Amino acid sequence: MTSQRRIRLKEVMKLVPLSASTIYARMKAGTFPKSQDLGGGVVCWREQEILDYLNSLPESNHSSIPEMEQK
Protein backbone atom coordinates (compact mmCIF):
# COMPACT_ATOMS: atom_id res chain seq x y z
CA MET A 1 0.00 0.00 0.00
CA THR A 2 1.37 3.40 -0.90
CA SER A 3 1.18 6.42 1.35
CA GLN A 4 -0.92 9.36 0.23
CA ARG A 5 0.34 11.58 3.08
CA ARG A 6 1.94 14.93 2.43
CA ILE A 7 4.78 15.84 4.77
CA ARG A 8 6.52 19.08 5.61
CA LEU A 9 10.26 19.78 5.58
CA LYS A 10 10.87 18.86 9.24
CA GLU A 11 9.41 15.41 8.67
CA VAL A 12 11.39 14.98 5.44
CA MET A 13 14.56 15.82 7.35
CA LYS A 14 13.68 13.15 9.97
CA LEU A 15 13.41 10.53 7.22
CA VAL A 16 16.39 11.71 5.17
CA PRO A 17 19.40 12.84 7.21
CA LEU A 18 20.13 15.89 5.06
CA SER A 19 20.00 19.59 5.84
CA ALA A 20 17.31 21.78 4.31
CA SER A 21 19.86 23.50 2.06
CA THR A 22 21.12 20.13 0.77
CA ILE A 23 17.57 18.96 0.09
CA TYR A 24 16.80 22.11 -1.91
CA ALA A 25 20.11 21.90 -3.78
CA ARG A 26 19.41 18.29 -4.72
CA MET A 27 15.88 19.21 -5.80
CA LYS A 28 17.35 21.88 -8.07
CA ALA A 29 19.82 19.32 -9.48
CA GLY A 30 16.97 16.89 -10.08
CA THR A 31 18.31 14.24 -7.71
CA PHE A 32 15.70 14.60 -4.95
CA PRO A 33 11.88 14.51 -5.11
CA LYS A 34 10.29 17.89 -5.86
CA SER A 35 8.17 19.64 -3.27
CA GLN A 36 4.63 20.79 -3.91
CA ASP A 37 3.62 24.40 -3.32
CA LEU A 38 0.33 24.54 -1.42
CA GLY A 39 0.24 28.34 -1.44
CA GLY A 40 0.81 30.81 1.35
CA GLY A 41 4.45 29.81 1.65
CA VAL A 42 3.56 26.21 2.54
CA VAL A 43 5.38 23.40 0.76
CA CYS A 44 5.18 19.67 1.24
CA TRP A 45 6.42 16.43 -0.26
CA ARG A 46 4.58 13.24 -1.05
CA GLU A 47 5.71 10.83 1.66
CA GLN A 48 5.74 7.91 -0.79
CA GLU A 49 8.15 9.78 -3.10
CA ILE A 50 10.54 10.28 -0.17
CA LEU A 51 10.27 6.60 0.80
CA ASP A 52 10.83 5.54 -2.81
CA TYR A 53 13.88 7.84 -2.97
CA LEU A 54 15.33 6.22 0.15
CA ASN A 55 14.69 2.73 -1.21
CA SER A 56 16.43 3.63 -4.48
CA LEU A 57 19.69 4.57 -2.76
CA PRO A 58 22.50 2.02 -2.99
CA GLU A 59 23.40 0.09 0.13
CA SER A 60 26.21 1.81 1.98
CA ASN A 61 29.25 0.23 3.54
CA HIS A 62 28.84 1.37 7.14
CA SER A 63 32.24 -0.04 8.12
CA SER A 64 33.92 2.74 6.12
CA ILE A 65 32.04 5.50 7.97
CA PRO A 66 33.75 6.70 11.15
CA GLU A 67 31.52 6.56 14.22
CA MET A 68 30.19 9.85 15.49
CA GLU A 69 31.70 11.22 18.65
CA GLN A 70 29.63 10.81 21.77
CA LYS A 71 28.80 14.11 23.43
PDB file of N, CA and C in Angstrom:
ATOM      1  N   MET A   1       0.841  -1.183   0.000  1.00  0.00           N
ATOM      2  CA  MET A   1       0.000   0.000   0.000  1.00  0.00           C
ATOM      3  C   MET A   1       0.885   1.245   0.000  1.00  0.00           C
ATOM      4  N   THR A   2       0.565   2.191  -0.834  1.00  0.00           N
ATOM      5  CA  THR A   2       1.368   3.402  -0.902  1.00  0.00           C
ATOM      6  C   THR A   2       0.753   4.493  -0.043  1.00  0.00           C
ATOM      7  N   SER A   3       1.618   5.327   0.494  1.00  0.00           N
ATOM      8  CA  SER A   3       1.183   6.422   1.353  1.00  0.00           C
ATOM      9  C   SER A   3       0.718   7.601   0.513  1.00  0.00           C
ATOM     10  N   GLN A   4      -0.399   8.166   0.892  1.00  0.00           N
ATOM     11  CA  GLN A   4      -0.925   9.362   0.229  1.00  0.00           C
ATOM     12  C   GLN A   4      -0.641  10.619   1.054  1.00  0.00           C
ATOM     13  N   ARG A   5       0.059  10.452   2.177  1.00  0.00           N
ATOM     14  CA  ARG A   5       0.338  11.577   3.076  1.00  0.00           C
ATOM     15  C   ARG A   5       1.230  12.611   2.413  1.00  0.00           C
ATOM     16  N   ARG A   6       1.055  13.837   2.809  1.00  0.00           N
ATOM     17  CA  ARG A   6       1.941  14.926   2.426  1.00  0.00           C
ATOM     18  C   ARG A   6       2.674  15.331   3.696  1.00  0.00           C
ATOM     19  N   ILE A   7       3.987  15.509   3.593  1.00  0.00           N
ATOM     20  CA  ILE A   7       4.777  15.837   4.774  1.00  0.00           C
ATOM     21  C   ILE A   7       5.556  17.120   4.553  1.00  0.00           C
ATOM     22  N   ARG A   8       5.805  17.812   5.650  1.00  0.00           N
ATOM     23  CA  ARG A   8       6.523  19.075   5.612  1.00  0.00           C
ATOM     24  C   ARG A   8       8.024  18.823   5.761  1.00  0.00           C
ATOM     25  N   LEU A   9       8.804  19.885   5.600  1.00  0.00           N
ATOM     26  CA  LEU A   9      10.264  19.778   5.582  1.00  0.00           C
ATOM     27  C   LEU A   9      10.835  19.103   6.827  1.00  0.00           C
ATOM     28  N   LYS A  10      10.328  19.455   8.012  1.00  0.00           N
ATOM     29  CA  LYS A  10      10.867  18.856   9.243  1.00  0.00           C
ATOM     30  C   LYS A  10      10.736  17.339   9.227  1.00  0.00           C
ATOM     31  N   GLU A  11       9.616  16.855   8.725  1.00  0.00           N
ATOM     32  CA  GLU A  11       9.407  15.413   8.671  1.00  0.00           C
ATOM     33  C   GLU A  11      10.293  14.767   7.607  1.00  0.00           C
ATOM     34  N   VAL A  12      10.475  15.469   6.482  1.00  0.00           N
ATOM     35  CA  VAL A  12      11.385  14.978   5.440  1.00  0.00           C
ATOM     36  C   VAL A  12      12.786  14.830   6.023  1.00  0.00           C
ATOM     37  N   MET A  13      13.216  15.834   6.772  1.00  0.00           N
ATOM     38  CA  MET A  13      14.558  15.816   7.355  1.00  0.00           C
ATOM     39  C   MET A  13      14.715  14.722   8.412  1.00  0.00           C
ATOM     40  N   LYS A  14      13.616  14.273   9.035  1.00  0.00           N
ATOM     41  CA  LYS A  14      13.684  13.148   9.972  1.00  0.00           C
ATOM     42  C   LYS A  14      13.881  11.841   9.219  1.00  0.00           C
ATOM     43  N   LEU A  15      13.286  11.751   8.026  1.00  0.00           N
ATOM     44  CA  LEU A  15      13.408  10.532   7.224  1.00  0.00           C
ATOM     45  C   LEU A  15      14.730  10.473   6.472  1.00  0.00           C
ATOM     46  N   VAL A  16      15.169  11.621   5.980  1.00  0.00           N
ATOM     47  CA  VAL A  16      16.386  11.710   5.170  1.00  0.00           C
ATOM     48  C   VAL A  16      17.373  12.596   5.925  1.00  0.00           C
ATOM     49  N   PRO A  17      18.476  12.055   6.387  1.00  0.00           N
ATOM     50  CA  PRO A  17      19.402  12.842   7.211  1.00  0.00           C
ATOM     51  C   PRO A  17      20.216  13.857   6.402  1.00  0.00           C
ATOM     52  N   LEU A  18      19.502  14.813   5.821  1.00  0.00           N
ATOM     53  CA  LEU A  18      20.128  15.893   5.061  1.00  0.00           C
ATOM     54  C   LEU A  18      19.627  17.219   5.595  1.00  0.00           C
ATOM     55  N   SER A  19      20.430  18.255   5.436  1.00  0.00           N
ATOM     56  CA  SER A  19      19.998  19.592   5.840  1.00  0.00           C
ATOM     57  C   SER A  19      19.005  20.133   4.820  1.00  0.00           C
ATOM     58  N   ALA A  20      18.276  21.161   5.212  1.00  0.00           N
ATOM     59  CA  ALA A  20      17.310  21.777   4.311  1.00  0.00           C
ATOM     60  C   ALA A  20      18.007  22.307   3.055  1.00  0.00           C
ATOM     61  N   SER A  21      19.163  22.937   3.220  1.00  0.00           N
ATOM     62  CA  SER A  21      19.858  23.497   2.059  1.00  0.00           C
ATOM     63  C   SER A  21      20.312  22.399   1.097  1.00  0.00           C
ATOM     64  N   THR A  22      20.720  21.249   1.626  1.00  0.00           N
ATOM     65  CA  THR A  22      21.121  20.131   0.772  1.00  0.00           C
ATOM     66  C   THR A  22      19.909  19.558   0.041  1.00  0.00           C
ATOM     67  N   ILE A  23      18.790  19.446   0.733  1.00  0.00           N
ATOM     68  CA  ILE A  23      17.567  18.955   0.094  1.00  0.00           C
ATOM     69  C   ILE A  23      17.184  19.863  -1.069  1.00  0.00           C
ATOM     70  N   TYR A  24      17.175  21.175  -0.845  1.00  0.00           N
ATOM     71  CA  TYR A  24      16.796  22.107  -1.908  1.00  0.00           C
ATOM     72  C   TYR A  24      17.816  22.108  -3.054  1.00  0.00           C
ATOM     73  N   ALA A  25      19.097  21.974  -2.732  1.00  0.00           N
ATOM     74  CA  ALA A  25      20.113  21.900  -3.781  1.00  0.00           C
ATOM     75  C   ALA A  25      19.931  20.648  -4.632  1.00  0.00           C
ATOM     76  N   ARG A  26      19.631  19.528  -3.981  1.00  0.00           N
ATOM     77  CA  ARG A  26      19.415  18.288  -4.723  1.00  0.00           C
ATOM     78  C   ARG A  26      18.122  18.337  -5.537  1.00  0.00           C
ATOM     79  N   MET A  27      17.111  19.019  -5.013  1.00  0.00           N
ATOM     80  CA  MET A  27      15.881  19.211  -5.798  1.00  0.00           C
ATOM     81  C   MET A  27      16.203  19.996  -7.078  1.00  0.00           C
ATOM     82  N   LYS A  28      16.976  21.054  -6.920  1.00  0.00           N
ATOM     83  CA  LYS A  28      17.345  21.881  -8.070  1.00  0.00           C
ATOM     84  C   LYS A  28      18.146  21.078  -9.089  1.00  0.00           C
ATOM     85  N   ALA A  29      18.995  20.164  -8.600  1.00  0.00           N
ATOM     86  CA  ALA A  29      19.819  19.323  -9.477  1.00  0.00           C
ATOM     87  C   ALA A  29      19.014  18.160 -10.071  1.00  0.00           C
ATOM     88  N   GLY A  30      17.796  17.964  -9.573  1.00  0.00           N
ATOM     89  CA  GLY A  30      16.967  16.886 -10.081  1.00  0.00           C
ATOM     90  C   GLY A  30      17.255  15.528  -9.479  1.00  0.00           C
ATOM     91  N   THR A  31      17.944  15.509  -8.334  1.00  0.00           N
ATOM     92  CA  THR A  31      18.308  14.238  -7.711  1.00  0.00           C
ATOM     93  C   THR A  31      17.538  13.964  -6.420  1.00  0.00           C
ATOM     94  N   PHE A  32      16.532  14.770  -6.138  1.00  0.00           N
ATOM     95  CA  PHE A  32      15.697  14.602  -4.946  1.00  0.00           C
ATOM     96  C   PHE A  32      14.268  14.929  -5.344  1.00  0.00           C
ATOM     97  N   PRO A  33      13.276  14.241  -4.756  1.00  0.00           N
ATOM     98  CA  PRO A  33      11.883  14.513  -5.111  1.00  0.00           C
ATOM     99  C   PRO A  33      11.515  15.994  -4.953  1.00  0.00           C
ATOM    100  N   LYS A  34      10.729  16.490  -5.882  1.00  0.00           N
ATOM    101  CA  LYS A  34      10.291  17.889  -5.857  1.00  0.00           C
ATOM    102  C   LYS A  34       9.214  18.091  -4.800  1.00  0.00           C
ATOM    103  N   SER A  35       9.215  19.271  -4.215  1.00  0.00           N
ATOM    104  CA  SER A  35       8.168  19.639  -3.269  1.00  0.00           C
ATOM    105  C   SER A  35       6.955  20.147  -4.042  1.00  0.00           C
ATOM    106  N   GLN A  36       5.842  20.235  -3.349  1.00  0.00           N
ATOM    107  CA  GLN A  36       4.627  20.789  -3.912  1.00  0.00           C
ATOM    108  C   GLN A  36       4.305  22.074  -3.178  1.00  0.00           C
ATOM    109  N   ASP A  37       3.989  23.121  -3.914  1.00  0.00           N
ATOM    110  CA  ASP A  37       3.620  24.404  -3.322  1.00  0.00           C
ATOM    111  C   ASP A  37       2.123  24.396  -3.059  1.00  0.00           C
ATOM    112  N   LEU A  38       1.744  24.513  -1.787  1.00  0.00           N
ATOM    113  CA  LEU A  38       0.330  24.542  -1.415  1.00  0.00           C
ATOM    114  C   LEU A  38      -0.211  25.958  -1.320  1.00  0.00           C
ATOM    115  N   GLY A  39       0.650  26.944  -1.544  1.00  0.00           N
ATOM    116  CA  GLY A  39       0.240  28.338  -1.439  1.00  0.00           C
ATOM    117  C   GLY A  39       0.496  28.879  -0.047  1.00  0.00           C
ATOM    118  N   GLY A  40       0.584  30.177   0.056  1.00  0.00           N
ATOM    119  CA  GLY A  40       0.806  30.807   1.352  1.00  0.00           C
ATOM    120  C   GLY A  40       2.152  30.479   1.963  1.00  0.00           C
ATOM    121  N   GLY A  41       3.125  30.132   1.136  1.00  0.00           N
ATOM    122  CA  GLY A  41       4.453  29.809   1.645  1.00  0.00           C
ATOM    123  C   GLY A  41       4.575  28.403   2.212  1.00  0.00           C
ATOM    124  N   VAL A  42       3.557  27.583   2.020  1.00  0.00           N
ATOM    125  CA  VAL A  42       3.558  26.214   2.543  1.00  0.00           C
ATOM    126  C   VAL A  42       3.958  25.250   1.428  1.00  0.00           C
ATOM    127  N   VAL A  43       4.969  24.440   1.709  1.00  0.00           N
ATOM    128  CA  VAL A  43       5.384  23.404   0.760  1.00  0.00           C
ATOM    129  C   VAL A  43       5.378  22.059   1.468  1.00  0.00           C
ATOM    130  N   CYS A  44       5.170  21.018   0.695  1.00  0.00           N
ATOM    131  CA  CYS A  44       5.182  19.670   1.243  1.00  0.00           C
ATOM    132  C   CYS A  44       5.705  18.712   0.188  1.00  0.00           C
ATOM    133  N   TRP A  45       5.969  17.502   0.624  1.00  0.00           N
ATOM    134  CA  TRP A  45       6.424  16.434  -0.263  1.00  0.00           C
ATOM    135  C   TRP A  45       5.459  15.276  -0.122  1.00  0.00           C
ATOM    136  N   ARG A  46       5.332  14.488  -1.166  1.00  0.00           N
ATOM    137  CA  ARG A  46       4.580  13.241  -1.053  1.00  0.00           C
ATOM    138  C   ARG A  46       5.450  12.262  -0.275  1.00  0.00           C
ATOM    139  N   GLU A  47       4.932  11.745   0.816  1.00  0.00           N
ATOM    140  CA  GLU A  47       5.709  10.835   1.663  1.00  0.00           C
ATOM    141  C   GLU A  47       6.196   9.633   0.856  1.00  0.00           C
ATOM    142  N   GLN A  48       5.358   9.089  -0.014  1.00  0.00           N
ATOM    143  CA  GLN A  48       5.742   7.913  -0.790  1.00  0.00           C
ATOM    144  C   GLN A  48       6.922   8.204  -1.699  1.00  0.00           C
ATOM    145  N   GLU A  49       7.003   9.420  -2.259  1.00  0.00           N
ATOM    146  CA  GLU A  49       8.150   9.776  -3.103  1.00  0.00           C
ATOM    147  C   GLU A  49       9.435   9.805  -2.291  1.00  0.00           C
ATOM    148  N   ILE A  50       9.357  10.262  -1.041  1.00  0.00           N
ATOM    149  CA  ILE A  50      10.539  10.275  -0.169  1.00  0.00           C
ATOM    150  C   ILE A  50      10.944   8.845   0.167  1.00  0.00           C
ATOM    151  N   LEU A  51       9.966   7.997   0.492  1.00  0.00           N
ATOM    152  CA  LEU A  51      10.268   6.599   0.804  1.00  0.00           C
ATOM    153  C   LEU A  51      10.846   5.871  -0.406  1.00  0.00           C
ATOM    154  N   ASP A  52      10.300   6.142  -1.585  1.00  0.00           N
ATOM    155  CA  ASP A  52      10.834   5.539  -2.812  1.00  0.00           C
ATOM    156  C   ASP A  52      12.265   6.011  -3.065  1.00  0.00           C
ATOM    157  N   TYR A  53      12.526   7.296  -2.809  1.00  0.00           N
ATOM    158  CA  TYR A  53      13.876   7.844  -2.969  1.00  0.00           C
ATOM    159  C   TYR A  53      14.853   7.092  -2.056  1.00  0.00           C
ATOM    160  N   LEU A  54      14.464   6.920  -0.800  1.00  0.00           N
ATOM    161  CA  LEU A  54      15.335   6.222   0.145  1.00  0.00           C
ATOM    162  C   LEU A  54      15.582   4.784  -0.290  1.00  0.00           C
ATOM    163  N   ASN A  55      14.549   4.124  -0.771  1.00  0.00           N
ATOM    164  CA  ASN A  55      14.694   2.735  -1.212  1.00  0.00           C
ATOM    165  C   ASN A  55      15.546   2.608  -2.468  1.00  0.00           C
ATOM    166  N   SER A  56      15.642   3.673  -3.245  1.00  0.00           N
ATOM    167  CA  SER A  56      16.430   3.628  -4.479  1.00  0.00           C
ATOM    168  C   SER A  56      17.921   3.855  -4.248  1.00  0.00           C
ATOM    169  N   LEU A  57      18.279   4.301  -3.051  1.00  0.00           N
ATOM    170  CA  LEU A  57      19.691   4.567  -2.764  1.00  0.00           C
ATOM    171  C   LEU A  57      20.457   3.248  -2.659  1.00  0.00           C
ATOM    172  N   PRO A  58      21.705   3.240  -3.114  1.00  0.00           N
ATOM    173  CA  PRO A  58      22.500   2.023  -2.991  1.00  0.00           C
ATOM    174  C   PRO A  58      22.816   1.743  -1.524  1.00  0.00           C
ATOM    175  N   GLU A  59      23.003   0.472  -1.231  1.00  0.00           N
ATOM    176  CA  GLU A  59      23.401   0.089   0.127  1.00  0.00           C
ATOM    177  C   GLU A  59      24.759   0.708   0.422  1.00  0.00           C
ATOM    178  N   SER A  60      24.923   1.212   1.630  1.00  0.00           N
ATOM    179  CA  SER A  60      26.213   1.806   1.984  1.00  0.00           C
ATOM    180  C   SER A  60      27.038   0.815   2.787  1.00  0.00           C
ATOM    181  N   ASN A  61      28.323   1.046   2.761  1.00  0.00           N
ATOM    182  CA  ASN A  61      29.251   0.231   3.537  1.00  0.00           C
ATOM    183  C   ASN A  61      29.510   0.968   4.840  1.00  0.00           C
ATOM    184  N   HIS A  62      28.746   0.646   5.881  1.00  0.00           N
ATOM    185  CA  HIS A  62      28.843   1.368   7.144  1.00  0.00           C
ATOM    186  C   HIS A  62      30.193   1.202   7.821  1.00  0.00           C
ATOM    187  N   SER A  63      30.945   0.162   7.473  1.00  0.00           N
ATOM    188  CA  SER A  63      32.239  -0.042   8.116  1.00  0.00           C
ATOM    189  C   SER A  63      33.252   1.019   7.697  1.00  0.00           C
ATOM    190  N   SER A  64      32.976   1.720   6.568  1.00  0.00           N
ATOM    191  CA  SER A  64      33.916   2.741   6.120  1.00  0.00           C
ATOM    192  C   SER A  64      33.573   4.125   6.670  1.00  0.00           C
ATOM    193  N   ILE A  65      32.448   4.218   7.412  1.00  0.00           N
ATOM    194  CA  ILE A  65      32.039   5.501   7.973  1.00  0.00           C
ATOM    195  C   ILE A  65      32.504   5.567   9.422  1.00  0.00           C
ATOM    196  N   PRO A  66      33.303   6.592   9.762  1.00  0.00           N
ATOM    197  CA  PRO A  66      33.748   6.700  11.152  1.00  0.00           C
ATOM    198  C   PRO A  66      32.565   6.947  12.077  1.00  0.00           C
ATOM    199  N   GLU A  67      32.611   6.361  13.264  1.00  0.00           N
ATOM    200  CA  GLU A  67      31.524   6.561  14.216  1.00  0.00           C
ATOM    201  C   GLU A  67      31.532   7.988  14.707  1.00  0.00           C
ATOM    202  N   MET A  68      30.315   8.490  14.986  1.00  0.00           N
ATOM    203  CA  MET A  68      30.186   9.847  15.488  1.00  0.00           C
ATOM    204  C   MET A  68      30.665   9.910  16.920  1.00  0.00           C
ATOM    205  N   GLU A  69      31.230  11.042  17.278  1.00  0.00           N
ATOM    206  CA  GLU A  69      31.701  11.221  18.645  1.00  0.00           C
ATOM    207  C   GLU A  69      30.510  11.296  19.587  1.00  0.00           C
ATOM    208  N   GLN A  70      30.651  10.703  20.749  1.00  0.00           N
ATOM    209  CA  GLN A  70      29.634  10.809  21.775  1.00  0.00           C
ATOM    210  C   GLN A  70      29.815  12.132  22.478  1.00  0.00           C
ATOM    211  N   LYS A  71      28.714  12.817  22.720  1.00  0.00           N
ATOM    212  CA  LYS A  71      28.801  14.107  23.427  1.00  0.00           C
ATOM    213  C   LYS A  71      28.410  13.947  24.857  1.00  0.00           C
TER     214      LYS A  71
END
